[in-house]
């Protein structure tokens, strides 16, 4: 698991995620789409009602990361 705070550009090791039921349902649906996808490049954005907050989710394998940004590659490979 890797978590990136895109504002500070730093990895996060401890996170609390509070979701409304509708947001949790959408997150589950996006996760299922990722699990069913043939493409390792897929990702999804879960936003709150006014789009002021966003979670981006993606699956990764350490040997298949060429489509990620350089910052995400560093986080995946070195967890920093």
Protein backbone atom coordinates (compact mmCIF):
# COMPACT_ATOMS: atom_id res chain seq x y z
CA UNK A 1 0.00 0.00 0.00
CA UNK A 2 1.26 3.44 -0.90
CA UNK A 3 -0.43 6.73 0.02
CA UNK A 4 0.73 10.06 -1.44
CA UNK A 5 -0.28 13.48 -0.11
CA UNK A 6 -0.24 15.38 -3.38
CA UNK A 7 -0.22 18.79 -1.67
CA UNK A 8 2.96 18.11 0.28
CA UNK A 9 4.35 15.54 -2.18
CA UNK A 10 5.09 13.23 0.75
CA UNK A 11 4.16 9.68 1.50
CA UNK A 12 1.63 9.08 4.26
CA UNK A 13 1.84 6.12 6.66
CA UNK A 14 -1.26 6.67 8.77
CA UNK A 15 -4.60 7.86 7.44
CA UNK A 16 -8.19 8.04 8.62
CA UNK A 17 -10.79 7.94 5.87
CA UNK A 18 -14.33 9.05 6.72
CA UNK A 19 -16.91 8.45 3.99
CA UNK A 20 -20.63 8.94 3.62
CA UNK A 21 -22.49 5.76 2.67
CA UNK A 22 -22.87 6.94 -0.95
CA UNK A 23 -19.12 7.67 -1.16
CA UNK A 24 -18.28 4.25 0.28
CA UNK A 25 -20.55 2.57 -2.26
CA UNK A 26 -18.86 4.49 -5.08
CA UNK A 27 -15.42 3.54 -3.75
CA UNK A 28 -16.40 -0.15 -3.68
CA UNK A 29 -17.74 0.12 -7.24
CA UNK A 30 -14.49 1.73 -8.42
CA UNK A 31 -12.42 -0.92 -6.66
CA UNK A 32 -14.45 -3.64 -8.36
CA UNK A 33 -13.90 -1.98 -11.74
CA UNK A 34 -10.14 -1.92 -11.08
CA UNK A 35 -10.13 -5.59 -10.08
CA UNK A 36 -12.08 -6.57 -13.19
CA UNK A 37 -10.03 -4.44 -15.58
CA UNK A 38 -7.53 -5.94 -17.98
CA UNK A 39 -5.53 -2.69 -18.03
CA UNK A 40 -2.99 -1.85 -15.36
CA UNK A 41 -3.30 1.81 -16.40
CA UNK A 42 -6.84 2.30 -15.08
CA UNK A 43 -7.53 4.59 -12.17
CA UNK A 44 -10.58 6.32 -10.69
CA UNK A 45 -11.29 9.57 -8.89
CA UNK A 46 -13.74 9.61 -6.00
CA UNK A 47 -14.88 13.15 -5.16
CA UNK A 48 -17.20 14.61 -2.57
CA UNK A 49 -20.39 16.44 -3.60
CA UNK A 50 -18.74 19.80 -4.29
CA UNK A 51 -15.48 18.33 -5.68
CA UNK A 52 -13.42 20.00 -2.95
CA UNK A 53 -11.95 16.64 -1.87
CA UNK A 54 -10.75 13.78 -4.03
CA UNK A 55 -9.31 10.30 -3.64
CA UNK A 56 -7.51 8.79 -6.62
CA UNK A 57 -7.26 5.00 -6.60
CA UNK A 58 -5.20 2.69 -8.78
CA UNK A 59 -3.74 -0.79 -8.63
CA UNK A 60 -0.03 -1.37 -9.10
CA UNK A 61 2.49 -4.14 -9.48
CA UNK A 62 6.10 -3.22 -8.75
CA UNK A 63 7.19 -4.70 -12.10
CA UNK A 64 4.59 -2.73 -14.13
CA UNK A 65 4.75 0.95 -13.19
CA UNK A 66 5.91 2.73 -16.36
CA UNK A 67 2.53 4.50 -16.73
CA UNK A 68 2.78 6.18 -13.30
CA UNK A 69 4.30 9.61 -12.69
CA UNK A 70 7.92 9.73 -11.57
CA UNK A 71 6.78 10.67 -8.06
CA UNK A 72 4.44 7.69 -7.84
CA UNK A 73 7.16 5.38 -9.17
CA UNK A 74 9.50 6.54 -6.38
CA UNK A 75 6.78 5.99 -3.80
CA UNK A 76 5.95 2.52 -5.13
CA UNK A 77 9.56 1.36 -5.34
CA UNK A 78 11.08 3.06 -2.30
CA UNK A 79 8.09 3.97 -0.10
CA UNK A 80 9.35 7.53 0.30
